Amino acid sequence: MELDQARSNLQNTNTDSVIAALRILGKSGKLTDLQPVLALVKSTNPSIHASAVQASSALIKENLITHFNEIGQSIREKLGLLLQSLDPSVMNEISNDLYADSDERRLRAVQILGLLKKNPQIREILAKLIHSRDVKIRATAVNLLGRVIGPNDHDLILQLLNDKDLRVRANTIEALESLNNKRLVPILLRFRKDTNNRIRGNVIKALFTLGYTEIESDLLEMLNNTNHLMQASAIWVMSKISFFSKDVENAIGYCLLSKQEIVFSNAKKTLQNLNTPRSNGYLRYLS
C-alpha cells in the first residue's frame, strides 16, 4: 500500500507529500514508475525538481542492480545514458555498492559501470577493481576495462595475464584483443601453448585479429589433442575468424566422429559455415 500511496501522491499539490512519495519510489519503485517520476524533473519547484532527479537516479540504479539480467541489453544501455545525464555524481553512489556485503550486489555494481563508458571516472575505478580479491569482480572489471582504455594503456591489465584465476586471464586476453594494438603480439605469443583450453583459444583468436596469421600449427595441435575441450575451443576459434586451411578443415571434419556433444555440435556448425565442397562432404557422410 505504501508504494500505491506514493504513486498517487505524485500528483499531490502539497510539496512535502510529493517529496515523500519520490523518496519512497526512488528506494522501492519499479521501472514502470520511472516515467511519472521523470516528469517531475521538469517541475519549476526547486525542491521537487531536486527530489525527482535523486529519485530517478536511485530508481534506475536499484533496478539495474536487482534486475540486471532480466533487463534487455538495449534497455540497460539507455538507462545507463539516462543515469549519467540525470546525475553526474552517480559514480559516487555506484562506488558505494562496490563495497556492499552482498557478492551479487558488488558484481552488479561493476556491470553497471560498464554502462557508464563516457564518465571520466570509469577508467580510474576499473583500474582499481582489477586488483579486487573477488575473482568475479576482477574478471568483470578486466572485461570492461578493455572497452574503455586507450590503445596505449594496456599496461594496466598486462599484469593480469599471470593471474591465478583462469577466468581473469581469459578475460584479460579478450580485453587486450579489443585494444587492436599489434605491439601486443609478442606478449600474447608467450601464452599460445597454455594448458587451459579457453585461454589458449582466446590467444589464437587474438593473435589472428591483431594480424598474426601463422596459427595453423596451433589449431591443429588443439584439434588433435586428446582433451575434448581443447578440440571444442579450436573449432570455436575457427567459427570466429576468417582463417582457412585444408588441414584444419579436415581435422574439424574428423571431429564429427567425436562422442563428445560439444565437439560434435561445434564441428557441425563450423563446417556448415565454411560451406565448401569438402566440408559439405564431411557433413553428408560423417554427421
C-alpha atoms as a PDB file:
ATOM      1  CA  MET A   1       0.000   0.000   0.000  1.00  0.00           C
ATOM      2  CA  GLU A   2       2.897   2.333   0.704  1.00  0.00           C
ATOM      3  CA  LEU A   3       4.003   2.202  -2.969  1.00  0.00           C
ATOM      4  CA  ASP A   4       0.452   2.681  -4.253  1.00  0.00           C
ATOM      5  CA  GLN A   5       0.001   5.672  -1.981  1.00  0.00           C
ATOM      6  CA  ALA A   6       3.319   7.120  -3.128  1.00  0.00           C
ATOM      7  CA  ARG A   7       2.272   6.788  -6.758  1.00  0.00           C
ATOM      8  CA  SER A   8      -0.935   8.644  -6.020  1.00  0.00           C
ATOM      9  CA  ASN A   9       0.875  11.349  -4.087  1.00  0.00           C
ATOM     10  CA  LEU A  10       2.995  12.285  -7.097  1.00  0.00           C
ATOM     11  CA  GLN A  11       0.000  14.336  -8.205  1.00  0.00           C
ATOM     12  CA  ASN A  12      -0.489  15.910  -4.773  1.00  0.00           C
ATOM     13  CA  THR A  13      -0.457  19.704  -4.524  1.00  0.00           C
ATOM     14  CA  ASN A  14       1.459  19.518  -1.255  1.00  0.00           C
ATOM     15  CA  THR A  15       5.208  19.755  -1.833  1.00  0.00           C
ATOM     16  CA  ASP A  16       6.118  17.689   1.232  1.00  0.00           C
ATOM     17  CA  SER A  17       3.790  14.876   0.151  1.00  0.00           C
ATOM     18  CA  VAL A  18       5.317  14.788  -3.346  1.00  0.00           C
ATOM     19  CA  ILE A  19       8.862  14.749  -1.975  1.00  0.00           C
ATOM     20  CA  ALA A  20       7.966  11.940   0.447  1.00  0.00           C
ATOM     21  CA  ALA A  21       6.446   9.972  -2.445  1.00  0.00           C
ATOM     22  CA  LEU A  22       9.556  10.484  -4.557  1.00  0.00           C
ATOM     23  CA  ARG A  23      11.737   9.265  -1.714  1.00  0.00           C
ATOM     24  CA  ILE A  24       9.731   6.028  -1.450  1.00  0.00           C
ATOM     25  CA  LEU A  25       9.666   5.397  -5.203  1.00  0.00           C
ATOM     26  CA  GLY A  26      13.381   6.092  -5.505  1.00  0.00           C
ATOM     27  CA  LYS A  27      14.053   3.392  -2.933  1.00  0.00           C
ATOM     28  CA  SER A  28      11.433   0.772  -3.829  1.00  0.00           C
ATOM     29  CA  GLY A  29       9.857   1.760  -7.147  1.00  0.00           C
ATOM     30  CA  LYS A  30       9.792  -0.311 -10.327  1.00  0.00           C
ATOM     31  CA  LEU A  31      10.902   0.722 -13.800  1.00  0.00           C
ATOM     32  CA  THR A  32       7.233   1.318 -14.634  1.00  0.00           C
ATOM     33  CA  ASP A  33       7.364   4.143 -12.080  1.00  0.00           C
ATOM     34  CA  LEU A  34      10.218   5.857 -13.872  1.00  0.00           C
ATOM     35  CA  GLN A  35       8.177   7.861 -16.376  1.00  0.00           C
ATOM     36  CA  PRO A  36       5.960   9.702 -13.844  1.00  0.00           C
ATOM     37  CA  VAL A  37       8.984  10.318 -11.623  1.00  0.00           C
ATOM     38  CA  LEU A  38      10.948  11.714 -14.567  1.00  0.00           C
ATOM     39  CA  ALA A  39       8.050  14.006 -15.412  1.00  0.00           C
ATOM     40  CA  LEU A  40       8.637  15.806 -12.126  1.00  0.00           C
ATOM     41  CA  VAL A  41      12.248  16.550 -13.074  1.00  0.00           C
ATOM     42  CA  LYS A  42      10.750  19.366 -15.163  1.00  0.00           C
ATOM     43  CA  SER A  43       8.997  20.847 -12.127  1.00  0.00           C
ATOM     44  CA  THR A  44       9.568  24.583 -11.532  1.00  0.00           C
ATOM     45  CA  ASN A  45       9.550  23.863  -7.814  1.00  0.00           C
ATOM     46  CA  PRO A  46      13.295  23.600  -6.916  1.00  0.00           C
ATOM     47  CA  SER A  47      12.669  21.123  -4.081  1.00  0.00           C
ATOM     48  CA  ILE A  48      10.512  18.817  -6.201  1.00  0.00           C
ATOM     49  CA  HIS A  49      12.954  19.061  -9.109  1.00  0.00           C
ATOM     50  CA  ALA A  50      15.921  18.072  -6.923  1.00  0.00           C
ATOM     51  CA  SER A  51      13.992  15.229  -5.290  1.00  0.00           C
ATOM     52  CA  ALA A  52      12.797  13.947  -8.677  1.00  0.00           C
ATOM     53  CA  VAL A  53      16.361  13.876 -10.028  1.00  0.00           C
ATOM     54  CA  GLN A  54      17.548  11.988  -6.958  1.00  0.00           C
ATOM     55  CA  ALA A  55      14.602   9.576  -7.050  1.00  0.00           C
ATOM     56  CA  SER A  56      15.011   8.866 -10.784  1.00  0.00           C
ATOM     57  CA  SER A  57      18.705   8.102 -10.362  1.00  0.00           C
ATOM     58  CA  ALA A  58      18.121   5.900  -7.334  1.00  0.00           C
ATOM     59  CA  LEU A  59      15.248   4.056  -9.019  1.00  0.00           C
ATOM     60  CA  ILE A  60      17.330   3.313 -12.140  1.00  0.00           C
ATOM     61  CA  LYS A  61      20.392   2.245 -10.187  1.00  0.00           C
ATOM     62  CA  GLU A  62      18.472  -0.006  -7.809  1.00  0.00           C
ATOM     63  CA  ASN A  63      16.554  -1.719 -10.609  1.00  0.00           C
ATOM     64  CA  LEU A  64      19.733  -2.272 -12.602  1.00  0.00           C
ATOM     65  CA  ILE A  65      21.386  -3.854  -9.587  1.00  0.00           C
ATOM     66  CA  THR A  66      18.482  -6.076  -8.569  1.00  0.00           C
ATOM     67  CA  HIS A  67      17.184  -6.995 -12.048  1.00  0.00           C
ATOM     68  CA  PHE A  68      20.275  -6.633 -14.263  1.00  0.00           C
ATOM     69  CA  ASN A  69      19.914  -9.957 -16.092  1.00  0.00           C
ATOM     70  CA  GLU A  70      16.171  -9.512 -16.566  1.00  0.00           C
ATOM     71  CA  ILE A  71      16.577  -6.195 -18.384  1.00  0.00           C
ATOM     72  CA  GLY A  72      17.480  -6.343 -22.087  1.00  0.00           C
ATOM     73  CA  GLN A  73      20.876  -5.019 -23.177  1.00  0.00           C
ATOM     74  CA  SER A  74      19.443  -2.136 -25.222  1.00  0.00           C
ATOM     75  CA  ILE A  75      17.268  -1.039 -22.291  1.00  0.00           C
ATOM     76  CA  ARG A  76      20.241  -1.298 -19.911  1.00  0.00           C
ATOM     77  CA  GLU A  77      22.299   0.948 -22.177  1.00  0.00           C
ATOM     78  CA  LYS A  78      19.505   3.525 -22.412  1.00  0.00           C
ATOM     79  CA  LEU A  79      19.114   3.510 -18.644  1.00  0.00           C
ATOM     80  CA  GLY A  80      22.868   3.961 -18.261  1.00  0.00           C
ATOM     81  CA  LEU A  81      22.834   7.030 -20.527  1.00  0.00           C
ATOM     82  CA  LEU A  82      19.848   8.437 -18.679  1.00  0.00           C
ATOM     83  CA  LEU A  83      21.547   7.821 -15.347  1.00  0.00           C
ATOM     84  CA  GLN A  84      24.616   9.783 -16.428  1.00  0.00           C
ATOM     85  CA  SER A  85      22.603  12.700 -17.759  1.00  0.00           C
ATOM     86  CA  LEU A  86      20.455  12.919 -14.621  1.00  0.00           C
ATOM     87  CA  ASP A  87      23.160  12.678 -12.025  1.00  0.00           C
ATOM     88  CA  PRO A  88      26.819  13.491 -12.811  1.00  0.00           C
ATOM     89  CA  SER A  89      27.760  12.307  -9.322  1.00  0.00           C
ATOM     90  CA  VAL A  90      26.207   8.878  -9.879  1.00  0.00           C
ATOM     91  CA  MET A  91      29.655   7.265  -9.817  1.00  0.00           C
ATOM     92  CA  ASN A  92      29.882   8.028  -6.108  1.00  0.00           C
ATOM     93  CA  GLU A  93      26.609   6.189  -5.472  1.00  0.00           C
ATOM     94  CA  ILE A  94      27.658   3.158  -7.524  1.00  0.00           C
ATOM     95  CA  SER A  95      31.074   3.152  -5.879  1.00  0.00           C
ATOM     96  CA  ASN A  96      29.345   2.629  -2.521  1.00  0.00           C
ATOM     97  CA  ASP A  97      27.804  -0.578  -3.878  1.00  0.00           C
ATOM     98  CA  LEU A  98      31.227  -1.839  -4.930  1.00  0.00           C
ATOM     99  CA  TYR A  99      31.883  -2.446  -1.249  1.00  0.00           C
ATOM    100  CA  ALA A 100      28.491  -3.893  -0.318  1.00  0.00           C
ATOM    101  CA  ASP A 101      28.311  -7.030   1.837  1.00  0.00           C
ATOM    102  CA  SER A 102      26.489  -8.941  -0.903  1.00  0.00           C
ATOM    103  CA  ASP A 103      28.715 -10.543  -3.559  1.00  0.00           C
ATOM    104  CA  GLU A 104      25.862 -10.292  -6.064  1.00  0.00           C
ATOM    105  CA  ARG A 105      25.349  -6.573  -5.402  1.00  0.00           C
ATOM    106  CA  ARG A 106      29.072  -5.847  -5.832  1.00  0.00           C
ATOM    107  CA  LEU A 107      29.161  -7.703  -9.142  1.00  0.00           C
ATOM    108  CA  ARG A 108      26.079  -5.899 -10.449  1.00  0.00           C
ATOM    109  CA  ALA A 109      27.638  -2.556  -9.491  1.00  0.00           C
ATOM    110  CA  VAL A 110      30.679  -3.394 -11.613  1.00  0.00           C
ATOM    111  CA  GLN A 111      28.441  -4.353 -14.528  1.00  0.00           C
ATOM    112  CA  ILE A 112      26.589  -1.032 -14.235  1.00  0.00           C
ATOM    113  CA  LEU A 113      29.939   0.721 -14.519  1.00  0.00           C
ATOM    114  CA  GLY A 114      30.166  -0.824 -17.975  1.00  0.00           C
ATOM    115  CA  LEU A 115      27.100   1.177 -18.988  1.00  0.00           C
ATOM    116  CA  LEU A 116      28.771   4.457 -17.994  1.00  0.00           C
ATOM    117  CA  LYS A 117      31.624   4.391 -20.503  1.00  0.00           C
ATOM    118  CA  LYS A 118      31.691   8.147 -21.045  1.00  0.00           C
ATOM    119  CA  ASN A 119      32.145   9.002 -17.395  1.00  0.00           C
ATOM    120  CA  PRO A 120      35.690  10.324 -16.818  1.00  0.00           C
ATOM    121  CA  GLN A 121      35.964   8.391 -13.533  1.00  0.00           C
ATOM    122  CA  ILE A 122      35.240   4.983 -15.040  1.00  0.00           C
ATOM    123  CA  ARG A 123      38.798   4.161 -16.106  1.00  0.00           C
ATOM    124  CA  GLU A 124      40.247   5.005 -12.703  1.00  0.00           C
ATOM    125  CA  ILE A 125      37.660   2.950 -10.820  1.00  0.00           C
ATOM    126  CA  LEU A 126      38.041  -0.105 -13.061  1.00  0.00           C
ATOM    127  CA  ALA A 127      41.835   0.131 -12.778  1.00  0.00           C
ATOM    128  CA  LYS A 128      41.443  -0.277  -9.019  1.00  0.00           C
ATOM    129  CA  LEU A 129      38.888  -3.078  -9.321  1.00  0.00           C
ATOM    130  CA  ILE A 130      41.224  -5.326 -11.299  1.00  0.00           C
ATOM    131  CA  HIS A 131      43.088  -5.809  -8.018  1.00  0.00           C
ATOM    132  CA  SER A 132      39.947  -6.857  -6.132  1.00  0.00           C
ATOM    133  CA  ARG A 133      40.148 -10.020  -4.028  1.00  0.00           C
ATOM    134  CA  ASP A 134      36.809 -11.058  -5.515  1.00  0.00           C
ATOM    135  CA  VAL A 135      37.585 -13.148  -8.601  1.00  0.00           C
ATOM    136  CA  LYS A 136      34.263 -12.388 -10.324  1.00  0.00           C
ATOM    137  CA  ILE A 137      34.782  -8.657  -9.867  1.00  0.00           C
ATOM    138  CA  ARG A 138      38.353  -8.869 -11.199  1.00  0.00           C
ATOM    139  CA  ALA A 139      37.215 -10.826 -14.253  1.00  0.00           C
ATOM    140  CA  THR A 140      34.323  -8.455 -14.979  1.00  0.00           C
ATOM    141  CA  ALA A 141      36.461  -5.349 -14.408  1.00  0.00           C
ATOM    142  CA  VAL A 142      39.116  -6.601 -16.831  1.00  0.00           C
ATOM    143  CA  ASN A 143      36.479  -7.256 -19.455  1.00  0.00           C
ATOM    144  CA  LEU A 144      35.009  -3.756 -19.056  1.00  0.00           C
ATOM    145  CA  LEU A 145      38.383  -2.056 -18.873  1.00  0.00           C
ATOM    146  CA  GLY A 146      39.236  -3.383 -22.317  1.00  0.00           C
ATOM    147  CA  ARG A 147      36.310  -1.380 -23.690  1.00  0.00           C
ATOM    148  CA  VAL A 148      37.237   1.959 -22.170  1.00  0.00           C
ATOM    149  CA  ILE A 149      41.027   2.262 -22.074  1.00  0.00           C
ATOM    150  CA  GLY A 150      43.042   3.623 -24.961  1.00  0.00           C
ATOM    151  CA  PRO A 151      45.389   1.639 -27.243  1.00  0.00           C
ATOM    152  CA  ASN A 152      48.450   2.747 -25.255  1.00  0.00           C
ATOM    153  CA  ASP A 153      47.076   1.944 -21.819  1.00  0.00           C
ATOM    154  CA  HIS A 154      47.478  -1.834 -21.902  1.00  0.00           C
ATOM    155  CA  ASP A 155      49.981  -1.860 -19.017  1.00  0.00           C
ATOM    156  CA  LEU A 156      47.003  -1.658 -16.664  1.00  0.00           C
ATOM    157  CA  ILE A 157      45.901  -5.189 -17.484  1.00  0.00           C
ATOM    158  CA  LEU A 158      49.039  -6.925 -18.767  1.00  0.00           C
ATOM    159  CA  GLN A 159      49.905  -7.904 -15.201  1.00  0.00           C
ATOM    160  CA  LEU A 160      46.702  -9.968 -15.053  1.00  0.00           C
ATOM    161  CA  LEU A 161      47.870 -12.404 -17.731  1.00  0.00           C
ATOM    162  CA  ASN A 162      49.504 -14.345 -14.899  1.00  0.00           C
ATOM    163  CA  ASP A 163      46.528 -14.171 -12.540  1.00  0.00           C
ATOM    164  CA  LYS A 164      45.767 -17.373 -10.638  1.00  0.00           C
ATOM    165  CA  ASP A 165      42.164 -17.371 -11.778  1.00  0.00           C
ATOM    166  CA  LEU A 166      41.582 -18.734 -15.291  1.00  0.00           C
ATOM    167  CA  ARG A 167      38.550 -16.506 -15.937  1.00  0.00           C
ATOM    168  CA  VAL A 168      40.576 -13.386 -15.187  1.00  0.00           C
ATOM    169  CA  ARG A 169      43.345 -14.487 -17.556  1.00  0.00           C
ATOM    170  CA  ALA A 170      40.888 -15.383 -20.337  1.00  0.00           C
ATOM    171  CA  ASN A 171      39.061 -12.050 -19.959  1.00  0.00           C
ATOM    172  CA  THR A 172      42.383 -10.204 -19.968  1.00  0.00           C
ATOM    173  CA  ILE A 173      43.254 -11.699 -23.348  1.00  0.00           C
ATOM    174  CA  GLU A 174      39.865 -10.642 -24.736  1.00  0.00           C
ATOM    175  CA  ALA A 175      40.433  -7.142 -23.370  1.00  0.00           C
ATOM    176  CA  LEU A 176      43.882  -6.942 -24.968  1.00  0.00           C
ATOM    177  CA  GLU A 177      42.466  -8.124 -28.295  1.00  0.00           C
ATOM    178  CA  SER A 178      39.910  -5.311 -28.205  1.00  0.00           C
ATOM    179  CA  LEU A 179      42.742  -2.735 -27.992  1.00  0.00           C
ATOM    180  CA  ASN A 180      43.750  -3.628 -31.572  1.00  0.00           C
ATOM    181  CA  ASN A 181      47.411  -2.918 -30.802  1.00  0.00           C
ATOM    182  CA  LYS A 182      49.774  -5.084 -32.896  1.00  0.00           C
ATOM    183  CA  ARG A 183      52.603  -4.470 -30.444  1.00  0.00           C
ATOM    184  CA  LEU A 184      50.834  -6.903 -28.113  1.00  0.00           C
ATOM    185  CA  VAL A 185      51.514  -9.878 -30.426  1.00  0.00           C
ATOM    186  CA  PRO A 186      54.914 -10.828 -28.884  1.00  0.00           C
ATOM    187  CA  ILE A 187      53.326 -10.814 -25.427  1.00  0.00           C
ATOM    188  CA  LEU A 188      50.388 -12.991 -26.482  1.00  0.00           C
ATOM    189  CA  LEU A 189      52.683 -15.467 -28.243  1.00  0.00           C
ATOM    190  CA  ARG A 190      54.014 -16.493 -24.829  1.00  0.00           C
ATOM    191  CA  PHE A 191      50.595 -17.950 -23.986  1.00  0.00           C
ATOM    192  CA  ARG A 192      49.812 -19.804 -27.214  1.00  0.00           C
ATOM    193  CA  LYS A 193      50.587 -23.176 -25.546  1.00  0.00           C
ATOM    194  CA  ASP A 194      48.601 -22.534 -22.358  1.00  0.00           C
ATOM    195  CA  THR A 195      47.184 -25.653 -20.736  1.00  0.00           C
ATOM    196  CA  ASN A 196      43.719 -24.111 -20.394  1.00  0.00           C
ATOM    197  CA  ASN A 197      41.546 -24.504 -23.498  1.00  0.00           C
ATOM    198  CA  ARG A 198      39.696 -21.189 -23.174  1.00  0.00           C
ATOM    199  CA  ILE A 199      42.866 -19.163 -22.644  1.00  0.00           C
ATOM    200  CA  ARG A 200      44.614 -20.923 -25.496  1.00  0.00           C
ATOM    201  CA  GLY A 201      41.657 -20.377 -27.831  1.00  0.00           C
ATOM    202  CA  ASN A 202      41.400 -16.720 -26.881  1.00  0.00           C
ATOM    203  CA  VAL A 203      45.116 -16.230 -27.530  1.00  0.00           C
ATOM    204  CA  ILE A 204      44.958 -17.733 -31.027  1.00  0.00           C
ATOM    205  CA  LYS A 205      41.869 -15.702 -31.877  1.00  0.00           C
ATOM    206  CA  ALA A 206      43.504 -12.520 -30.549  1.00  0.00           C
ATOM    207  CA  LEU A 207      46.724 -13.173 -32.454  1.00  0.00           C
ATOM    208  CA  PHE A 208      44.854 -13.578 -35.738  1.00  0.00           C
ATOM    209  CA  THR A 209      42.750 -10.465 -35.062  1.00  0.00           C
ATOM    210  CA  LEU A 210      45.949  -8.497 -34.450  1.00  0.00           C
ATOM    211  CA  GLY A 211      47.430  -9.587 -37.781  1.00  0.00           C
ATOM    212  CA  TYR A 212      49.442 -12.689 -36.831  1.00  0.00           C
ATOM    213  CA  THR A 213      48.351 -15.365 -39.312  1.00  0.00           C
ATOM    214  CA  GLU A 214      50.754 -18.254 -38.523  1.00  0.00           C
ATOM    215  CA  ILE A 215      48.190 -20.117 -36.453  1.00  0.00           C
ATOM    216  CA  GLU A 216      47.645 -23.324 -38.446  1.00  0.00           C
ATOM    217  CA  SER A 217      50.001 -25.470 -36.349  1.00  0.00           C
ATOM    218  CA  ASP A 218      48.437 -24.141 -33.139  1.00  0.00           C
ATOM    219  CA  LEU A 219      44.928 -25.010 -34.308  1.00  0.00           C
ATOM    220  CA  LEU A 220      45.973 -28.472 -35.492  1.00  0.00           C
ATOM    221  CA  GLU A 221      47.694 -29.149 -32.186  1.00  0.00           C
ATOM    222  CA  MET A 222      44.470 -28.296 -30.342  1.00  0.00           C
ATOM    223  CA  LEU A 223      42.265 -30.262 -32.757  1.00  0.00           C
ATOM    224  CA  ASN A 224      44.441 -33.361 -32.391  1.00  0.00           C
ATOM    225  CA  ASN A 225      44.560 -33.050 -28.603  1.00  0.00           C
ATOM    226  CA  THR A 226      43.058 -35.871 -26.525  1.00  0.00           C
ATOM    227  CA  ASN A 227      41.278 -33.255 -24.402  1.00  0.00           C
ATOM    228  CA  HIS A 228      37.855 -32.712 -25.980  1.00  0.00           C
ATOM    229  CA  LEU A 229      37.635 -29.184 -24.552  1.00  0.00           C
ATOM    230  CA  MET A 230      40.810 -28.257 -26.450  1.00  0.00           C
ATOM    231  CA  GLN A 231      39.186 -29.593 -29.625  1.00  0.00           C
ATOM    232  CA  ALA A 232      35.954 -27.694 -28.974  1.00  0.00           C
ATOM    233  CA  SER A 233      37.829 -24.431 -28.333  1.00  0.00           C
ATOM    234  CA  ALA A 234      39.872 -24.763 -31.524  1.00  0.00           C
ATOM    235  CA  ILE A 235      36.692 -25.292 -33.543  1.00  0.00           C
ATOM    236  CA  TRP A 236      35.143 -22.282 -31.792  1.00  0.00           C
ATOM    237  CA  VAL A 237      38.131 -20.160 -32.847  1.00  0.00           C
ATOM    238  CA  MET A 238      37.608 -21.208 -36.476  1.00  0.00           C
ATOM    239  CA  SER A 239      33.975 -20.097 -36.247  1.00  0.00           C
ATOM    240  CA  LYS A 240      35.075 -16.619 -35.134  1.00  0.00           C
ATOM    241  CA  ILE A 241      37.851 -15.784 -37.611  1.00  0.00           C
ATOM    242  CA  SER A 242      38.259 -15.722 -41.396  1.00  0.00           C
ATOM    243  CA  PHE A 243      41.221 -18.126 -41.409  1.00  0.00           C
ATOM    244  CA  PHE A 244      41.127 -21.169 -43.715  1.00  0.00           C
ATOM    245  CA  SER A 245      43.335 -24.243 -44.065  1.00  0.00           C
ATOM    246  CA  LYS A 246      42.525 -27.585 -45.714  1.00  0.00           C
ATOM    247  CA  ASP A 247      44.365 -29.480 -42.980  1.00  0.00           C
ATOM    248  CA  VAL A 248      42.381 -27.659 -40.295  1.00  0.00           C
ATOM    249  CA  GLU A 249      39.159 -28.274 -42.244  1.00  0.00           C
ATOM    250  CA  ASN A 250      39.999 -31.999 -42.405  1.00  0.00           C
ATOM    251  CA  ALA A 251      40.710 -32.118 -38.666  1.00  0.00           C
ATOM    252  CA  ILE A 252      37.369 -30.454 -37.928  1.00  0.00           C
ATOM    253  CA  GLY A 253      35.673 -32.930 -40.258  1.00  0.00           C
ATOM    254  CA  TYR A 254      37.054 -35.872 -38.289  1.00  0.00           C
ATOM    255  CA  CYS A 255      35.733 -34.236 -35.113  1.00  0.00           C
ATOM    256  CA  LEU A 256      32.255 -35.210 -36.321  1.00  0.00           C
ATOM    257  CA  LEU A 257      33.175 -38.702 -35.125  1.00  0.00           C
ATOM    258  CA  SER A 258      33.661 -37.462 -31.567  1.00  0.00           C
ATOM    259  CA  LYS A 259      31.448 -38.904 -28.864  1.00  0.00           C
ATOM    260  CA  GLN A 260      31.573 -35.554 -27.041  1.00  0.00           C
ATOM    261  CA  GLU A 261      28.481 -33.486 -27.829  1.00  0.00           C
ATOM    262  CA  ILE A 262      30.260 -30.122 -27.574  1.00  0.00           C
ATOM    263  CA  VAL A 263      32.918 -31.216 -30.067  1.00  0.00           C
ATOM    264  CA  PHE A 264      30.383 -32.695 -32.477  1.00  0.00           C
ATOM    265  CA  SER A 265      27.999 -29.695 -32.380  1.00  0.00           C
ATOM    266  CA  ASN A 266      30.837 -27.151 -32.726  1.00  0.00           C
ATOM    267  CA  ALA A 267      32.265 -29.089 -35.669  1.00  0.00           C
ATOM    268  CA  LYS A 268      28.892 -29.359 -37.389  1.00  0.00           C
ATOM    269  CA  LYS A 269      28.158 -25.633 -37.082  1.00  0.00           C
ATOM    270  CA  THR A 270      31.633 -24.595 -38.223  1.00  0.00           C
ATOM    271  CA  LEU A 271      31.605 -26.900 -41.247  1.00  0.00           C
ATOM    272  CA  GLN A 272      28.187 -25.559 -42.187  1.00  0.00           C
ATOM    273  CA  ASN A 273      29.583 -22.033 -42.018  1.00  0.00           C
ATOM    274  CA  LEU A 274      32.615 -22.986 -44.125  1.00  0.00           C
ATOM    275  CA  ASN A 275      30.237 -24.383 -46.760  1.00  0.00           C
ATOM    276  CA  THR A 276      32.970 -25.797 -49.043  1.00  0.00           C
ATOM    277  CA  PRO A 277      32.580 -28.995 -51.111  1.00  0.00           C
ATOM    278  CA  ARG A 278      34.910 -30.772 -48.671  1.00  0.00           C
ATOM    279  CA  SER A 279      33.100 -29.556 -45.529  1.00  0.00           C
ATOM    280  CA  ASN A 280      29.741 -30.459 -47.065  1.00  0.00           C
ATOM    281  CA  GLY A 281      31.115 -33.911 -47.831  1.00  0.00           C
ATOM    282  CA  TYR A 282      32.104 -34.398 -44.198  1.00  0.00           C
ATOM    283  CA  LEU A 283      28.644 -33.276 -43.107  1.00  0.00           C
ATOM    284  CA  ARG A 284      26.973 -35.625 -45.567  1.00  0.00           C
ATOM    285  CA  TYR A 285      28.930 -38.774 -44.696  1.00  0.00           C
ATOM    286  CA  LEU A 286      30.075 -38.343 -41.082  1.00  0.00           C
ATOM    287  CA  SER A 287      27.337 -36.433 -39.283  1.00  0.00           C
END
